[in-house]
Amino acid sequence: MQDLASELEADLLKLYDSPILTLKQLHKALNFRSADAVKQAILRGVFPVHTFEMPNRRGKFALAKDVAIFLAEQAFNKEKEND
């Protein structure tokens, strides 16, 4: 699982050129319908990845590493269910 998470993190870093992802990037990376859908999930407390605010910046952010770990866990859990 760690190998997959590392590969996903590298892909996210290459795709977005930053270890910090915005709401718009999170909506694409996690296949949400829109950035507003991500915002709603965060407000409702059901967004699956830890988000944070940054000083002097608007909006919420997440680390590419956290997104990669979440995606790897989901893929790994799905494989276990299929066994």
Protein backbone atom coordinates (compact mmCIF):
# COMPACT_ATOMS: atom_id res chain seq x y z
CA MET A 1 0.00 0.00 0.00
CA GLN A 2 2.88 2.37 0.76
CA ASP A 3 4.27 1.89 -2.74
CA LEU A 4 0.92 2.80 -4.27
CA ALA A 5 0.59 5.83 -2.00
CA SER A 6 4.08 6.99 -2.98
CA GLU A 7 3.29 6.58 -6.68
CA LEU A 8 0.00 8.47 -6.32
CA GLU A 9 1.72 11.25 -4.39
CA ALA A 10 4.37 11.56 -7.12
CA ASP A 11 1.62 11.71 -9.76
CA LEU A 12 -0.26 14.41 -7.83
CA LEU A 13 2.92 16.45 -7.35
CA LYS A 14 3.72 16.17 -11.06
CA LEU A 15 0.17 17.03 -12.09
CA TYR A 16 -0.34 20.01 -9.78
CA ASP A 17 3.27 21.18 -9.22
CA SER A 18 2.63 21.65 -5.51
CA PRO A 19 2.37 19.51 -2.37
CA ILE A 20 -0.67 21.61 -1.37
CA LEU A 21 -3.94 21.14 -3.24
CA THR A 22 -6.73 23.70 -3.55
CA LEU A 23 -10.46 22.93 -3.54
CA LYS A 24 -10.50 22.97 -7.33
CA GLN A 25 -7.63 20.49 -7.48
CA LEU A 26 -9.22 18.32 -4.79
CA HIS A 27 -12.45 18.16 -6.77
CA LYS A 28 -10.54 16.78 -9.75
CA ALA A 29 -8.23 14.48 -7.79
CA LEU A 30 -11.06 12.89 -5.79
CA ASN A 31 -13.66 13.01 -8.58
CA PHE A 32 -16.12 15.30 -6.84
CA ARG A 33 -18.78 16.96 -9.01
CA SER A 34 -17.39 20.48 -8.34
CA ALA A 35 -15.25 22.55 -5.99
CA ASP A 36 -18.50 23.61 -4.30
CA ALA A 37 -19.28 19.94 -3.63
CA VAL A 38 -15.89 19.62 -1.93
CA LYS A 39 -16.64 22.72 0.13
CA GLN A 40 -20.02 21.28 1.19
CA ALA A 41 -18.44 17.97 2.18
CA ILE A 42 -15.89 19.81 4.31
CA LEU A 43 -18.60 21.93 5.97
CA ARG A 44 -20.67 18.81 6.71
CA GLY A 45 -17.63 17.04 8.15
CA VAL A 46 -17.76 14.17 5.66
CA PHE A 47 -14.77 15.06 3.45
CA PRO A 48 -12.43 12.05 3.62
CA VAL A 49 -9.13 13.98 3.71
CA HIS A 50 -7.81 16.37 6.35
CA THR A 51 -8.05 19.99 5.19
CA PHE A 52 -6.60 23.15 6.66
CA GLU A 53 -6.53 26.91 6.22
CA MET A 54 -3.43 28.95 5.52
CA PRO A 55 -2.70 32.45 6.80
CA ASN A 56 -3.51 35.21 4.32
CA ARG A 57 -5.07 32.73 1.89
CA ARG A 58 -8.72 32.09 1.10
CA GLY A 59 -10.24 28.63 1.15
CA LYS A 60 -9.22 25.24 2.40
CA PHE A 61 -6.25 23.15 1.35
CA ALA A 62 -5.07 19.56 1.66
CA LEU A 63 -1.70 17.90 1.31
CA ALA A 64 -1.10 15.78 -1.78
CA LYS A 65 0.37 13.15 0.54
CA ASP A 66 -2.91 12.89 2.50
CA VAL A 67 -4.91 12.56 -0.72
CA ALA A 68 -2.52 9.87 -2.02
CA ILE A 69 -2.76 7.89 1.23
CA PHE A 70 -6.56 8.08 1.17
CA LEU A 71 -6.71 6.88 -2.45
CA ALA A 72 -4.27 4.03 -1.76
CA GLU A 73 -6.29 2.95 1.29
CA GLN A 74 -9.46 2.91 -0.78
CA ALA A 75 -7.85 0.82 -3.50
CA PHE A 76 -6.35 -1.55 -0.93
CA ASN A 77 -9.64 -1.94 0.96
CA LYS A 78 -11.47 -2.64 -2.31
CA GLU A 79 -8.94 -5.38 -3.14
CA LYS A 80 -9.47 -6.98 0.28
CA GLU A 81 -13.25 -6.98 -0.23
CA ASN A 82 -12.87 -8.72 -3.60
CA ASP A 83 -10.71 -11.52 -2.19
